[in-house]
């Protein structure tokens, strides 16, 4: 039987690990923007959740989502390469989406690199749809997709 991953809120000690994972798994080939201090700042923000999955090796997955009045923004989501295709990314995403639904959020938005078809397929599989494409979205070097998932209709 496959055990469900344990999802926790990140601790101060996780900030540097999350930043390094962001650099290697998300920001590769780009200037490093999600440094340890930026991750720590997100962790201190009362409108942001930083969720993590740990395993015996280290940090296995994480997600950072900021919640506004009616929308949320998924800033980052990553799974360590050796742990992909095991449901960890889906588990973190579902956890963050559950928080959004509980808070009455109407929609979640995110950005993904155009040169990462696996990420785009992952989000589309989970009900996200591209609503815009932007040339040079990432430091003028990599194109991006803006995606959205509607959680509830607003009037």
C-alpha atoms as a PDB file:
ATOM      1  CA  UNK A   1       0.000   0.000   0.000  1.00  0.00           C
ATOM      2  CA  UNK A   2       1.273   3.451  -0.904  1.00  0.00           C
ATOM      3  CA  UNK A   3       1.369   5.798   2.053  1.00  0.00           C
ATOM      4  CA  UNK A   4       0.079   9.347   1.632  1.00  0.00           C
ATOM      5  CA  UNK A   5       2.844  11.917   2.004  1.00  0.00           C
ATOM      6  CA  UNK A   6       2.908  14.022   5.155  1.00  0.00           C
ATOM      7  CA  UNK A   7       2.581  17.689   4.289  1.00  0.00           C
ATOM      8  CA  UNK A   8       3.810  20.232   6.817  1.00  0.00           C
ATOM      9  CA  UNK A   9       4.306  23.961   6.892  1.00  0.00           C
ATOM     10  CA  UNK A  10       7.929  24.834   6.245  1.00  0.00           C
ATOM     11  CA  UNK A  11      10.187  25.823   9.099  1.00  0.00           C
ATOM     12  CA  UNK A  12      12.945  28.397   9.171  1.00  0.00           C
ATOM     13  CA  UNK A  13      15.473  25.615   8.515  1.00  0.00           C
ATOM     14  CA  UNK A  14      13.684  24.724   5.261  1.00  0.00           C
ATOM     15  CA  UNK A  15      14.190  28.136   3.599  1.00  0.00           C
ATOM     16  CA  UNK A  16      17.679  27.443   2.241  1.00  0.00           C
ATOM     17  CA  UNK A  17      16.673  23.937   1.096  1.00  0.00           C
ATOM     18  CA  UNK A  18      13.619  25.290  -0.726  1.00  0.00           C
ATOM     19  CA  UNK A  19      15.732  28.004  -2.345  1.00  0.00           C
ATOM     20  CA  UNK A  20      18.298  25.484  -3.590  1.00  0.00           C
ATOM     21  CA  UNK A  21      15.577  23.228  -4.938  1.00  0.00           C
ATOM     22  CA  UNK A  22      13.973  26.187  -6.702  1.00  0.00           C
ATOM     23  CA  UNK A  23      17.306  27.039  -8.286  1.00  0.00           C
ATOM     24  CA  UNK A  24      17.900  23.528  -9.631  1.00  0.00           C
ATOM     25  CA  UNK A  25      14.354  22.363 -10.401  1.00  0.00           C
ATOM     26  CA  UNK A  26      12.596  25.576 -11.486  1.00  0.00           C
ATOM     27  CA  UNK A  27      14.990  28.469 -12.118  1.00  0.00           C
ATOM     28  CA  UNK A  28      17.654  26.547 -14.049  1.00  0.00           C
ATOM     29  CA  UNK A  29      19.303  28.686 -16.719  1.00  0.00           C
ATOM     30  CA  UNK A  30      17.934  31.900 -15.207  1.00  0.00           C
ATOM     31  CA  UNK A  31      19.151  34.328 -12.561  1.00  0.00           C
ATOM     32  CA  UNK A  32      18.324  33.008  -9.102  1.00  0.00           C
ATOM     33  CA  UNK A  33      15.357  34.954  -7.737  1.00  0.00           C
ATOM     34  CA  UNK A  34      13.943  32.662  -5.028  1.00  0.00           C
ATOM     35  CA  UNK A  35      16.886  32.909  -2.665  1.00  0.00           C
ATOM     36  CA  UNK A  36      16.794  31.744   0.935  1.00  0.00           C
ATOM     37  CA  UNK A  37      15.937  35.229   2.147  1.00  0.00           C
ATOM     38  CA  UNK A  38      13.032  35.523  -0.310  1.00  0.00           C
ATOM     39  CA  UNK A  39      11.681  32.124   0.733  1.00  0.00           C
ATOM     40  CA  UNK A  40      12.027  33.112   4.412  1.00  0.00           C
ATOM     41  CA  UNK A  41      10.152  36.343   3.676  1.00  0.00           C
ATOM     42  CA  UNK A  42       7.320  34.318   2.082  1.00  0.00           C
ATOM     43  CA  UNK A  43       7.245  32.085   5.153  1.00  0.00           C
ATOM     44  CA  UNK A  44       6.770  35.124   7.410  1.00  0.00           C
ATOM     45  CA  UNK A  45       3.945  36.525   5.245  1.00  0.00           C
ATOM     46  CA  UNK A  46       0.613  35.753   6.969  1.00  0.00           C
ATOM     47  CA  UNK A  47      -1.094  35.537   3.554  1.00  0.00           C
ATOM     48  CA  UNK A  48       1.304  32.874   2.258  1.00  0.00           C
ATOM     49  CA  UNK A  49       1.666  29.160   2.942  1.00  0.00           C
ATOM     50  CA  UNK A  50       4.897  27.317   2.304  1.00  0.00           C
ATOM     51  CA  UNK A  51       4.123  23.600   2.376  1.00  0.00           C
ATOM     52  CA  UNK A  52       6.754  20.849   2.340  1.00  0.00           C
ATOM     53  CA  UNK A  53       7.087  17.088   2.105  1.00  0.00           C
ATOM     54  CA  UNK A  54      10.155  15.594   3.734  1.00  0.00           C
ATOM     55  CA  UNK A  55      11.572  12.107   3.352  1.00  0.00           C
ATOM     56  CA  UNK A  56      14.521  10.219   4.775  1.00  0.00           C
ATOM     57  CA  UNK A  57      16.889  11.893   2.291  1.00  0.00           C
ATOM     58  CA  UNK A  58      15.824  15.535   2.642  1.00  0.00           C
ATOM     59  CA  UNK A  59      13.219  17.866   1.268  1.00  0.00           C
ATOM     60  CA  UNK A  60      11.179  15.926  -1.302  1.00  0.00           C
ATOM     61  CA  UNK A  61       8.685  18.571  -2.464  1.00  0.00           C
ATOM     62  CA  UNK A  62       7.390  22.036  -1.661  1.00  0.00           C
ATOM     63  CA  UNK A  63       4.826  24.591  -2.741  1.00  0.00           C
ATOM     64  CA  UNK A  64       4.444  28.302  -2.057  1.00  0.00           C
ATOM     65  CA  UNK A  65       1.026  29.915  -2.438  1.00  0.00           C
ATOM     66  CA  UNK A  66      -0.096  33.433  -1.606  1.00  0.00           C
ATOM     67  CA  UNK A  67      -3.767  34.052  -0.856  1.00  0.00           C
ATOM     68  CA  UNK A  68      -5.589  37.293  -1.621  1.00  0.00           C
ATOM     69  CA  UNK A  69      -9.230  38.209  -1.130  1.00  0.00           C
ATOM     70  CA  UNK A  70     -10.646  36.189  -4.052  1.00  0.00           C
ATOM     71  CA  UNK A  71      -7.585  34.790  -5.844  1.00  0.00           C
ATOM     72  CA  UNK A  72      -4.483  32.876  -4.907  1.00  0.00           C
ATOM     73  CA  UNK A  73      -1.137  32.733  -6.672  1.00  0.00           C
ATOM     74  CA  UNK A  74       0.957  29.582  -6.757  1.00  0.00           C
ATOM     75  CA  UNK A  75       4.446  31.073  -6.757  1.00  0.00           C
ATOM     76  CA  UNK A  76       6.455  27.843  -6.795  1.00  0.00           C
ATOM     77  CA  UNK A  77       5.901  24.103  -6.786  1.00  0.00           C
ATOM     78  CA  UNK A  78       8.710  21.583  -7.113  1.00  0.00           C
ATOM     79  CA  UNK A  79       9.488  17.943  -6.504  1.00  0.00           C
ATOM     80  CA  UNK A  80      13.040  16.653  -6.196  1.00  0.00           C
ATOM     81  CA  UNK A  81      13.935  14.904  -9.459  1.00  0.00           C
ATOM     82  CA  UNK A  82      14.488  11.528  -7.785  1.00  0.00           C
ATOM     83  CA  UNK A  83      10.968  11.624  -6.268  1.00  0.00           C
ATOM     84  CA  UNK A  84       8.941  12.682  -9.308  1.00  0.00           C
ATOM     85  CA  UNK A  85       5.998  10.622 -10.567  1.00  0.00           C
ATOM     86  CA  UNK A  86       5.187   9.463  -7.022  1.00  0.00           C
ATOM     87  CA  UNK A  87       2.244  11.814  -6.404  1.00  0.00           C
ATOM     88  CA  UNK A  88       4.109  14.303  -4.209  1.00  0.00           C
ATOM     89  CA  UNK A  89       3.483  17.304  -6.459  1.00  0.00           C
ATOM     90  CA  UNK A  90      -0.208  16.440  -6.683  1.00  0.00           C
ATOM     91  CA  UNK A  91      -0.431  16.026  -2.910  1.00  0.00           C
ATOM     92  CA  UNK A  92       1.142  19.439  -2.244  1.00  0.00           C
ATOM     93  CA  UNK A  93      -1.042  21.073  -4.895  1.00  0.00           C
ATOM     94  CA  UNK A  94      -4.218  19.497  -3.474  1.00  0.00           C
ATOM     95  CA  UNK A  95      -3.236  20.629   0.040  1.00  0.00           C
ATOM     96  CA  UNK A  96      -2.728  24.225  -1.114  1.00  0.00           C
ATOM     97  CA  UNK A  97      -5.943  24.148  -3.155  1.00  0.00           C
ATOM     98  CA  UNK A  98      -7.844  22.877  -0.102  1.00  0.00           C
ATOM     99  CA  UNK A  99      -6.621  25.880   1.893  1.00  0.00           C
ATOM    100  CA  UNK A 100      -7.737  28.153  -0.960  1.00  0.00           C
ATOM    101  CA  UNK A 101     -11.201  26.589  -1.104  1.00  0.00           C
ATOM    102  CA  UNK A 102     -11.553  26.818   2.679  1.00  0.00           C
ATOM    103  CA  UNK A 103     -10.658  30.520   2.467  1.00  0.00           C
ATOM    104  CA  UNK A 104     -13.315  31.090  -0.209  1.00  0.00           C
ATOM    105  CA  UNK A 105     -10.829  31.738  -3.013  1.00  0.00           C
ATOM    106  CA  UNK A 106     -12.444  31.846  -6.459  1.00  0.00           C
ATOM    107  CA  UNK A 107      -9.394  31.154  -8.640  1.00  0.00           C
ATOM    108  CA  UNK A 108      -5.764  30.131  -8.460  1.00  0.00           C
ATOM    109  CA  UNK A 109      -3.247  31.506 -10.921  1.00  0.00           C
ATOM    110  CA  UNK A 110       0.326  30.553 -11.698  1.00  0.00           C
ATOM    111  CA  UNK A 111       3.043  30.890 -14.295  1.00  0.00           C
ATOM    112  CA  UNK A 112       5.020  28.084 -15.927  1.00  0.00           C
ATOM    113  CA  UNK A 113       7.937  28.020 -18.310  1.00  0.00           C
ATOM    114  CA  UNK A 114       7.079  27.249 -21.934  1.00  0.00           C
ATOM    115  CA  UNK A 115      10.178  25.060 -22.117  1.00  0.00           C
ATOM    116  CA  UNK A 116       8.835  22.763 -19.385  1.00  0.00           C
ATOM    117  CA  UNK A 117       6.155  20.630 -21.071  1.00  0.00           C
ATOM    118  CA  UNK A 118       6.010  18.263 -18.083  1.00  0.00           C
ATOM    119  CA  UNK A 119       4.962  21.115 -15.790  1.00  0.00           C
ATOM    120  CA  UNK A 120       2.392  22.387 -18.269  1.00  0.00           C
ATOM    121  CA  UNK A 121       0.941  18.872 -18.639  1.00  0.00           C
ATOM    122  CA  UNK A 122       0.889  18.459 -14.832  1.00  0.00           C
ATOM    123  CA  UNK A 123      -1.112  21.655 -14.335  1.00  0.00           C
ATOM    124  CA  UNK A 124      -3.467  20.914 -17.228  1.00  0.00           C
ATOM    125  CA  UNK A 125      -4.076  17.445 -15.754  1.00  0.00           C
ATOM    126  CA  UNK A 126      -5.105  19.164 -12.505  1.00  0.00           C
ATOM    127  CA  UNK A 127      -7.615  21.486 -14.178  1.00  0.00           C
ATOM    128  CA  UNK A 128      -5.492  24.545 -14.929  1.00  0.00           C
ATOM    129  CA  UNK A 129      -5.873  26.235 -18.310  1.00  0.00           C
ATOM    130  CA  UNK A 130      -3.568  28.654 -20.082  1.00  0.00           C
ATOM    131  CA  UNK A 131      -5.161  32.070 -20.390  1.00  0.00           C
ATOM    132  CA  UNK A 132      -2.121  33.980 -21.668  1.00  0.00           C
ATOM    133  CA  UNK A 133       1.321  33.392 -23.139  1.00  0.00           C
ATOM    134  CA  UNK A 134       4.109  35.871 -22.750  1.00  0.00           C
ATOM    135  CA  UNK A 135       7.301  36.057 -24.768  1.00  0.00           C
ATOM    136  CA  UNK A 136      10.392  36.501 -22.605  1.00  0.00           C
ATOM    137  CA  UNK A 137       8.402  36.261 -19.361  1.00  0.00           C
ATOM    138  CA  UNK A 138      11.427  35.023 -17.451  1.00  0.00           C
ATOM    139  CA  UNK A 139      14.204  37.620 -17.589  1.00  0.00           C
ATOM    140  CA  UNK A 140      13.632  38.064 -21.315  1.00  0.00           C
ATOM    141  CA  UNK A 141      15.082  34.579 -21.890  1.00  0.00           C
ATOM    142  CA  UNK A 142      12.262  32.068 -21.555  1.00  0.00           C
ATOM    143  CA  UNK A 143       8.651  32.332 -22.649  1.00  0.00           C
ATOM    144  CA  UNK A 144       5.918  31.610 -20.150  1.00  0.00           C
ATOM    145  CA  UNK A 145       2.326  30.528 -19.781  1.00  0.00           C
ATOM    146  CA  UNK A 146      -0.111  32.050 -17.321  1.00  0.00           C
ATOM    147  CA  UNK A 147      -2.551  29.439 -16.093  1.00  0.00           C
ATOM    148  CA  UNK A 148      -5.678  29.554 -13.982  1.00  0.00           C
ATOM    149  CA  UNK A 149      -8.005  27.160 -12.225  1.00  0.00           C
ATOM    150  CA  UNK A 150     -11.482  28.360 -11.329  1.00  0.00           C
ATOM    151  CA  UNK A 151     -12.545  27.033  -7.926  1.00  0.00           C
ATOM    152  CA  UNK A 152     -15.906  28.775  -7.804  1.00  0.00           C
ATOM    153  CA  UNK A 153     -17.801  31.180 -10.000  1.00  0.00           C
ATOM    154  CA  UNK A 154     -18.195  34.760  -8.842  1.00  0.00           C
ATOM    155  CA  UNK A 155     -21.069  36.996  -9.847  1.00  0.00           C
END
